[in-house]
Amino acid sequence: MEQIKILVVDDEPTLCEALKFNLELEGYEVDVANSAEEALGLNLSEYSLILLDVMMGDISGFSMARILKKSPELSKIPIIFCTAKDDEDDMIKGLDIGADDYIVKPYSIRNVLARVKTVLRRVDYGKQPLVPDNGIISYGGLSVNPELKQCEVDGKIVKLPRKEFEILYLFLSNPGRIFSRESIIKKVWPEEIVVLERVVDVNITRLRSKIGEYGKNIVTRSGYGYGFEG
């Protein structure tokens, strides 16, 4: 089995070495970069996960994450922010950029190792939703066809209202990513002037009940939002 390769990006060398040492004890292959500039000079497509500090030099962790998410080749690499920025708005900002998790310093190495395992399990490459050339996204027996606006569960067509379909398509298109209610509203209700966050909750509750056993894959991350996990 190919060894999982992780990149640690942080401007604190001592912290980087501690993370590298402990991650390697867990069996991962680990590289270290002490700035976003240094990290962006590497062949990032080699990495299965990036642990990324936020407050660094000229290019912040948020800026680096945006660069990665704009790249078709690199956009699916999971990112975990590890930062001293503990404001809730910063956490939401990080998750909205596309991060898979957000860990606040000071943290225990044990906590980081647990989060790493969780994110890697979530993006298990053998269970990732597949997007073939026809645009249909599938996960096990669940599939959505954006052309026909059609959802199937184990070969049976399930009728979904427009907003429920769009939420499901959003989640399946971004496996493992947690969306805040605010970001879901912006993506699914862009034409509406005022949409209460409670409306998101109601639509997701209904969606879960309609897609059978796959309803459990739509997860709630308390304080952050919703997403689809394999």
C-alpha atoms as a PDB file:
ATOM      1  CA  MET A   1       0.000   0.000   0.000  1.00  0.00           C
ATOM      2  CA  GLU A   2       1.339   3.429  -0.962  1.00  0.00           C
ATOM      3  CA  GLN A   3       2.444   5.511   2.025  1.00  0.00           C
ATOM      4  CA  ILE A   4       0.329   8.567   2.764  1.00  0.00           C
ATOM      5  CA  LYS A   5       2.318  11.760   2.321  1.00  0.00           C
ATOM      6  CA  ILE A   6       1.548  14.848   4.448  1.00  0.00           C
ATOM      7  CA  LEU A   7       2.894  18.402   4.179  1.00  0.00           C
ATOM      8  CA  VAL A   8       3.207  20.569   7.304  1.00  0.00           C
ATOM      9  CA  VAL A   9       3.325  24.328   6.564  1.00  0.00           C
ATOM     10  CA  ASP A  10       4.121  26.522   9.576  1.00  0.00           C
ATOM     11  CA  ASP A  11       6.642  29.281  10.344  1.00  0.00           C
ATOM     12  CA  GLU A  12       7.474  27.758  13.750  1.00  0.00           C
ATOM     13  CA  PRO A  13      10.302  25.244  13.060  1.00  0.00           C
ATOM     14  CA  THR A  14      10.041  23.590  16.477  1.00  0.00           C
ATOM     15  CA  LEU A  15       6.336  22.957  16.030  1.00  0.00           C
ATOM     16  CA  CYS A  16       6.919  21.620  12.520  1.00  0.00           C
ATOM     17  CA  GLU A  17       9.512  19.156  13.752  1.00  0.00           C
ATOM     18  CA  ALA A  18       7.228  17.974  16.580  1.00  0.00           C
ATOM     19  CA  LEU A  19       4.404  17.356  14.118  1.00  0.00           C
ATOM     20  CA  LYS A  20       6.739  15.663  11.654  1.00  0.00           C
ATOM     21  CA  PHE A  21       8.164  13.361  14.321  1.00  0.00           C
ATOM     22  CA  ASN A  22       4.776  12.279  15.671  1.00  0.00           C
ATOM     23  CA  LEU A  23       3.140  11.894  12.260  1.00  0.00           C
ATOM     24  CA  GLU A  24       6.027   9.727  11.102  1.00  0.00           C
ATOM     25  CA  LEU A  25       5.563   7.543  14.185  1.00  0.00           C
ATOM     26  CA  GLU A  26       2.021   6.957  12.902  1.00  0.00           C
ATOM     27  CA  GLY A  27       3.437   5.719   9.594  1.00  0.00           C
ATOM     28  CA  TYR A  28       2.972   8.810   7.431  1.00  0.00           C
ATOM     29  CA  GLU A  29       5.632  10.288   5.151  1.00  0.00           C
ATOM     30  CA  VAL A  30       6.019  13.949   6.166  1.00  0.00           C
ATOM     31  CA  ASP A  31       7.604  17.029   4.585  1.00  0.00           C
ATOM     32  CA  VAL A  32       7.900  20.470   6.189  1.00  0.00           C
ATOM     33  CA  ALA A  33       7.749  23.988   4.738  1.00  0.00           C
ATOM     34  CA  ASN A  34       8.262  27.095   6.894  1.00  0.00           C
ATOM     35  CA  SER A  35       6.268  29.440   4.667  1.00  0.00           C
ATOM     36  CA  ALA A  36       3.513  29.357   2.073  1.00  0.00           C
ATOM     37  CA  GLU A  37       6.033  30.578  -0.492  1.00  0.00           C
ATOM     38  CA  GLU A  38       8.258  27.573   0.196  1.00  0.00           C
ATOM     39  CA  ALA A  39       5.286  25.203   0.103  1.00  0.00           C
ATOM     40  CA  LEU A  40       4.040  26.550  -3.228  1.00  0.00           C
ATOM     41  CA  GLY A  41       7.443  25.759  -4.719  1.00  0.00           C
ATOM     42  CA  LEU A  42       6.936  22.045  -4.024  1.00  0.00           C
ATOM     43  CA  ASN A  43       5.134  19.478  -6.137  1.00  0.00           C
ATOM     44  CA  LEU A  44       1.951  19.681  -4.075  1.00  0.00           C
ATOM     45  CA  SER A  45       0.130  17.046  -6.097  1.00  0.00           C
ATOM     46  CA  GLU A  46       2.221  14.436  -4.236  1.00  0.00           C
ATOM     47  CA  TYR A  47       0.493  15.125  -0.907  1.00  0.00           C
ATOM     48  CA  SER A  48      -2.586  13.428   0.533  1.00  0.00           C
ATOM     49  CA  LEU A  49      -3.108  16.121   3.193  1.00  0.00           C
ATOM     50  CA  ILE A  50      -1.768  19.576   4.113  1.00  0.00           C
ATOM     51  CA  LEU A  51      -1.550  20.890   7.694  1.00  0.00           C
ATOM     52  CA  LEU A  52      -1.515  24.652   7.225  1.00  0.00           C
ATOM     53  CA  ASP A  53      -0.853  27.561   9.588  1.00  0.00           C
ATOM     54  CA  VAL A  54      -2.791  30.789   8.922  1.00  0.00           C
ATOM     55  CA  MET A  55      -0.567  33.600  10.163  1.00  0.00           C
ATOM     56  CA  MET A  56       2.694  33.413   8.229  1.00  0.00           C
ATOM     57  CA  GLY A  57       4.698  35.800   5.994  1.00  0.00           C
ATOM     58  CA  ASP A  58       3.578  37.602   2.860  1.00  0.00           C
ATOM     59  CA  ILE A  59       1.265  34.761   1.836  1.00  0.00           C
ATOM     60  CA  SER A  60      -1.077  33.707   4.643  1.00  0.00           C
ATOM     61  CA  GLY A  61      -2.481  30.229   5.071  1.00  0.00           C
ATOM     62  CA  PHE A  62      -5.887  31.472   3.905  1.00  0.00           C
ATOM     63  CA  SER A  63      -4.298  32.892   0.742  1.00  0.00           C
ATOM     64  CA  MET A  64      -2.421  29.672   0.052  1.00  0.00           C
ATOM     65  CA  ALA A  65      -5.602  27.646   0.512  1.00  0.00           C
ATOM     66  CA  ARG A  66      -7.414  29.873  -1.997  1.00  0.00           C
ATOM     67  CA  ILE A  67      -4.603  29.316  -4.497  1.00  0.00           C
ATOM     68  CA  LEU A  68      -4.925  25.545  -4.091  1.00  0.00           C
ATOM     69  CA  LYS A  69      -8.711  25.562  -4.377  1.00  0.00           C
ATOM     70  CA  LYS A  70      -8.502  27.452  -7.681  1.00  0.00           C
ATOM     71  CA  SER A  71      -6.232  24.787  -9.170  1.00  0.00           C
ATOM     72  CA  PRO A  72      -8.033  21.836 -10.835  1.00  0.00           C
ATOM     73  CA  GLU A  73      -5.032  19.646 -10.042  1.00  0.00           C
ATOM     74  CA  LEU A  74      -4.747  20.623  -6.363  1.00  0.00           C
ATOM     75  CA  SER A  75      -8.271  21.588  -5.293  1.00  0.00           C
ATOM     76  CA  LYS A  76      -9.133  18.159  -3.845  1.00  0.00           C
ATOM     77  CA  ILE A  77      -6.144  17.968  -1.487  1.00  0.00           C
ATOM     78  CA  PRO A  78      -7.581  18.033   2.064  1.00  0.00           C
ATOM     79  CA  ILE A  79      -6.470  20.985   4.205  1.00  0.00           C
ATOM     80  CA  ILE A  80      -6.469  21.241   7.990  1.00  0.00           C
ATOM     81  CA  PHE A  81      -5.798  24.722   9.363  1.00  0.00           C
ATOM     82  CA  CYS A  82      -3.710  24.747  12.574  1.00  0.00           C
ATOM     83  CA  THR A  83      -3.716  28.288  13.901  1.00  0.00           C
ATOM     84  CA  ALA A  84      -3.831  30.625  16.886  1.00  0.00           C
ATOM     85  CA  LYS A  85      -6.705  32.534  15.224  1.00  0.00           C
ATOM     86  CA  ASP A  86      -9.551  31.289  17.417  1.00  0.00           C
ATOM     87  CA  ASP A  87     -12.278  33.744  16.444  1.00  0.00           C
ATOM     88  CA  GLU A  88     -15.450  32.031  15.187  1.00  0.00           C
ATOM     89  CA  ASP A  89     -15.480  34.253  12.083  1.00  0.00           C
ATOM     90  CA  ASP A  90     -11.968  33.053  11.228  1.00  0.00           C
ATOM     91  CA  MET A  91     -13.040  29.430  11.641  1.00  0.00           C
ATOM     92  CA  ILE A  92     -16.030  29.946   9.358  1.00  0.00           C
ATOM     93  CA  LYS A  93     -13.801  31.776   6.869  1.00  0.00           C
ATOM     94  CA  GLY A  94     -11.361  28.878   6.826  1.00  0.00           C
ATOM     95  CA  LEU A  95     -14.093  26.297   6.298  1.00  0.00           C
ATOM     96  CA  ASP A  96     -15.745  28.401   3.596  1.00  0.00           C
ATOM     97  CA  ILE A  97     -12.440  28.521   1.708  1.00  0.00           C
ATOM     98  CA  GLY A  98     -12.653  24.744   1.595  1.00  0.00           C
ATOM     99  CA  ALA A  99     -10.668  23.503   4.582  1.00  0.00           C
ATOM    100  CA  ASP A 100     -11.617  20.094   5.951  1.00  0.00           C
ATOM    101  CA  ASP A 101     -10.925  20.997   9.574  1.00  0.00           C
ATOM    102  CA  TYR A 102      -9.758  23.882  11.765  1.00  0.00           C
ATOM    103  CA  ILE A 103      -7.608  23.288  14.865  1.00  0.00           C
ATOM    104  CA  VAL A 104      -6.870  26.106  17.284  1.00  0.00           C
ATOM    105  CA  LYS A 105      -3.464  26.502  18.957  1.00  0.00           C
ATOM    106  CA  PRO A 106      -2.326  25.556  21.487  1.00  0.00           C
ATOM    107  CA  TYR A 107      -3.330  22.009  20.681  1.00  0.00           C
ATOM    108  CA  SER A 108      -2.220  18.567  21.747  1.00  0.00           C
ATOM    109  CA  ILE A 109      -0.361  16.379  19.269  1.00  0.00           C
ATOM    110  CA  ARG A 110      -2.832  13.632  20.116  1.00  0.00           C
ATOM    111  CA  ASN A 111      -5.705  15.854  18.986  1.00  0.00           C
ATOM    112  CA  VAL A 112      -3.965  16.660  15.697  1.00  0.00           C
ATOM    113  CA  LEU A 113      -3.277  12.981  14.999  1.00  0.00           C
ATOM    114  CA  ALA A 114      -6.931  12.131  15.625  1.00  0.00           C
ATOM    115  CA  ARG A 115      -8.121  14.923  13.304  1.00  0.00           C
ATOM    116  CA  VAL A 116      -5.688  13.802  10.597  1.00  0.00           C
ATOM    117  CA  LYS A 117      -7.017  10.250  10.749  1.00  0.00           C
ATOM    118  CA  THR A 118     -10.600  11.497  10.604  1.00  0.00           C
ATOM    119  CA  VAL A 119     -10.020  13.674   7.541  1.00  0.00           C
ATOM    120  CA  LEU A 120      -8.077  10.952   5.703  1.00  0.00           C
ATOM    121  CA  ARG A 121     -10.842   8.459   6.489  1.00  0.00           C
ATOM    122  CA  ARG A 122     -13.414  10.945   5.215  1.00  0.00           C
ATOM    123  CA  VAL A 123     -11.658  11.295   1.870  1.00  0.00           C
ATOM    124  CA  ASP A 124     -10.948   7.575   1.546  1.00  0.00           C
ATOM    125  CA  TYR A 125      -9.914   7.404  -2.081  1.00  0.00           C
ATOM    126  CA  GLY A 126     -11.761   4.159  -2.672  1.00  0.00           C
ATOM    127  CA  LYS A 127     -15.056   5.688  -1.588  1.00  0.00           C
ATOM    128  CA  GLN A 128     -14.897   9.123  -3.131  1.00  0.00           C
ATOM    129  CA  PRO A 129     -17.959  10.081  -5.162  1.00  0.00           C
ATOM    130  CA  LEU A 130     -17.126   9.608  -8.819  1.00  0.00           C
ATOM    131  CA  VAL A 131     -17.691  12.277 -11.491  1.00  0.00           C
ATOM    132  CA  PRO A 132     -17.594  10.729 -14.977  1.00  0.00           C
ATOM    133  CA  ASP A 133     -17.626  12.706 -18.219  1.00  0.00           C
ATOM    134  CA  ASN A 134     -21.441  12.864 -18.269  1.00  0.00           C
ATOM    135  CA  GLY A 135     -21.421  14.877 -15.031  1.00  0.00           C
ATOM    136  CA  ILE A 136     -23.348  12.293 -13.001  1.00  0.00           C
ATOM    137  CA  ILE A 137     -22.002  12.026  -9.460  1.00  0.00           C
ATOM    138  CA  SER A 138     -22.376   8.752  -7.608  1.00  0.00           C
ATOM    139  CA  TYR A 139     -21.604   7.362  -4.172  1.00  0.00           C
ATOM    140  CA  GLY A 140     -22.495   3.716  -3.794  1.00  0.00           C
ATOM    141  CA  GLY A 141     -26.121   3.413  -4.884  1.00  0.00           C
ATOM    142  CA  LEU A 142     -26.750   7.164  -4.629  1.00  0.00           C
ATOM    143  CA  SER A 143     -26.397   9.273  -7.785  1.00  0.00           C
ATOM    144  CA  VAL A 144     -27.388  12.701  -9.029  1.00  0.00           C
ATOM    145  CA  ASN A 145     -27.682  13.715 -12.672  1.00  0.00           C
ATOM    146  CA  PRO A 146     -27.307  17.516 -13.059  1.00  0.00           C
ATOM    147  CA  GLU A 147     -28.507  17.440 -16.670  1.00  0.00           C
ATOM    148  CA  LEU A 148     -31.785  15.665 -15.919  1.00  0.00           C
ATOM    149  CA  LYS A 149     -32.047  17.139 -12.394  1.00  0.00           C
ATOM    150  CA  GLN A 150     -32.620  13.595 -11.243  1.00  0.00           C
ATOM    151  CA  CYS A 151     -31.638  11.665  -8.131  1.00  0.00           C
ATOM    152  CA  GLU A 152     -31.496   7.880  -7.866  1.00  0.00           C
ATOM    153  CA  VAL A 153     -31.182   5.722  -4.752  1.00  0.00           C
ATOM    154  CA  ASP A 154     -30.347   2.061  -5.422  1.00  0.00           C
ATOM    155  CA  GLY A 155     -31.731   2.296  -8.947  1.00  0.00           C
ATOM    156  CA  LYS A 156     -34.977   4.023  -7.969  1.00  0.00           C
ATOM    157  CA  ILE A 157     -35.713   7.624  -8.917  1.00  0.00           C
ATOM    158  CA  VAL A 158     -36.293   9.846  -5.904  1.00  0.00           C
ATOM    159  CA  LYS A 159     -38.142  13.095  -6.548  1.00  0.00           C
ATOM    160  CA  LEU A 160     -36.437  16.048  -4.891  1.00  0.00           C
ATOM    161  CA  PRO A 161     -37.553  19.681  -4.924  1.00  0.00           C
ATOM    162  CA  ARG A 162     -35.077  22.007  -6.601  1.00  0.00           C
ATOM    163  CA  LYS A 163     -33.376  23.264  -3.430  1.00  0.00           C
ATOM    164  CA  GLU A 164     -32.972  19.802  -1.916  1.00  0.00           C
ATOM    165  CA  PHE A 165     -31.469  18.566  -5.189  1.00  0.00           C
ATOM    166  CA  GLU A 166     -29.056  21.501  -5.324  1.00  0.00           C
ATOM    167  CA  ILE A 167     -27.953  20.925  -1.722  1.00  0.00           C
ATOM    168  CA  LEU A 168     -27.306  17.237  -2.427  1.00  0.00           C
ATOM    169  CA  TYR A 169     -25.403  18.043  -5.623  1.00  0.00           C
ATOM    170  CA  LEU A 170     -23.323  20.627  -3.753  1.00  0.00           C
ATOM    171  CA  PHE A 171     -22.424  18.115  -1.046  1.00  0.00           C
ATOM    172  CA  LEU A 172     -21.619  15.251  -3.422  1.00  0.00           C
ATOM    173  CA  SER A 173     -19.485  17.566  -5.547  1.00  0.00           C
ATOM    174  CA  ASN A 174     -17.410  18.447  -2.472  1.00  0.00           C
ATOM    175  CA  PRO A 175     -17.052  15.247  -0.407  1.00  0.00           C
ATOM    176  CA  GLY A 176     -15.674  15.812   3.065  1.00  0.00           C
ATOM    177  CA  ARG A 177     -16.116  19.575   2.946  1.00  0.00           C
ATOM    178  CA  ILE A 178     -18.229  21.214   5.652  1.00  0.00           C
ATOM    179  CA  PHE A 179     -20.380  24.123   4.476  1.00  0.00           C
ATOM    180  CA  SER A 180     -21.686  26.741   6.883  1.00  0.00           C
ATOM    181  CA  ARG A 181     -25.379  27.537   6.655  1.00  0.00           C
ATOM    182  CA  GLU A 182     -24.447  30.968   5.318  1.00  0.00           C
ATOM    183  CA  SER A 183     -22.381  29.512   2.485  1.00  0.00           C
ATOM    184  CA  ILE A 184     -25.161  27.032   1.601  1.00  0.00           C
ATOM    185  CA  ILE A 185     -27.630  29.913   1.381  1.00  0.00           C
ATOM    186  CA  LYS A 186     -25.278  31.862  -0.917  1.00  0.00           C
ATOM    187  CA  LYS A 187     -24.858  28.881  -3.244  1.00  0.00           C
ATOM    188  CA  VAL A 188     -28.382  27.451  -3.252  1.00  0.00           C
ATOM    189  CA  TRP A 189     -30.502  30.582  -2.736  1.00  0.00           C
ATOM    190  CA  PRO A 190     -28.402  33.250  -4.528  1.00  0.00           C
ATOM    191  CA  GLU A 191     -31.458  35.011  -5.938  1.00  0.00           C
ATOM    192  CA  GLU A 192     -33.252  35.354  -2.603  1.00  0.00           C
ATOM    193  CA  ILE A 193     -32.959  38.547  -0.558  1.00  0.00           C
ATOM    194  CA  VAL A 194     -33.539  36.993   2.877  1.00  0.00           C
ATOM    195  CA  VAL A 195     -33.334  33.288   3.705  1.00  0.00           C
ATOM    196  CA  LEU A 196     -33.307  32.187   7.336  1.00  0.00           C
ATOM    197  CA  GLU A 197     -30.699  29.646   8.370  1.00  0.00           C
ATOM    198  CA  ARG A 198     -33.535  27.522   9.734  1.00  0.00           C
ATOM    199  CA  VAL A 199     -34.649  26.971   6.130  1.00  0.00           C
ATOM    200  CA  VAL A 200     -31.348  25.182   5.469  1.00  0.00           C
ATOM    201  CA  ASP A 201     -31.933  22.902   8.466  1.00  0.00           C
ATOM    202  CA  VAL A 202     -35.445  22.015   7.304  1.00  0.00           C
ATOM    203  CA  ASN A 203     -34.330  21.216   3.741  1.00  0.00           C
ATOM    204  CA  ILE A 204     -31.494  19.006   4.951  1.00  0.00           C
ATOM    205  CA  THR A 205     -33.778  17.137   7.360  1.00  0.00           C
ATOM    206  CA  ARG A 206     -36.173  16.413   4.500  1.00  0.00           C
ATOM    207  CA  LEU A 207     -33.321  15.440   2.177  1.00  0.00           C
ATOM    208  CA  ARG A 208     -31.889  12.953   4.674  1.00  0.00           C
ATOM    209  CA  SER A 209     -35.264  11.241   5.006  1.00  0.00           C
ATOM    210  CA  LYS A 210     -35.585  10.787   1.224  1.00  0.00           C
ATOM    211  CA  ILE A 211     -32.230   9.237   0.332  1.00  0.00           C
ATOM    212  CA  GLY A 212     -32.495   6.160   2.527  1.00  0.00           C
ATOM    213  CA  GLU A 213     -29.351   4.772   4.136  1.00  0.00           C
ATOM    214  CA  TYR A 214     -27.303   7.593   2.580  1.00  0.00           C
ATOM    215  CA  GLY A 215     -29.027  10.121   4.795  1.00  0.00           C
ATOM    216  CA  LYS A 216     -26.498   9.265   7.498  1.00  0.00           C
ATOM    217  CA  ASN A 217     -23.696  10.435   5.194  1.00  0.00           C
ATOM    218  CA  ILE A 218     -25.007  13.994   5.414  1.00  0.00           C
ATOM    219  CA  VAL A 219     -23.324  15.018   8.630  1.00  0.00           C
ATOM    220  CA  THR A 220     -23.799  17.942  10.989  1.00  0.00           C
ATOM    221  CA  ARG A 221     -20.671  19.529  12.443  1.00  0.00           C
ATOM    222  CA  SER A 222     -21.914  21.447  15.479  1.00  0.00           C
ATOM    223  CA  GLY A 223     -21.067  25.145  15.253  1.00  0.00           C
ATOM    224  CA  TYR A 224     -19.876  24.843  11.648  1.00  0.00           C
ATOM    225  CA  GLY A 225     -22.474  23.400   9.300  1.00  0.00           C
ATOM    226  CA  TYR A 226     -23.169  20.419   7.055  1.00  0.00           C
ATOM    227  CA  GLY A 227     -21.390  18.182   4.579  1.00  0.00           C
ATOM    228  CA  PHE A 228     -21.260  14.734   2.977  1.00  0.00           C
ATOM    229  CA  GLU A 229     -18.866  12.145   4.380  1.00  0.00           C
ATOM    230  CA  GLY A 230     -18.107   8.690   3.024  1.00  0.00           C
END
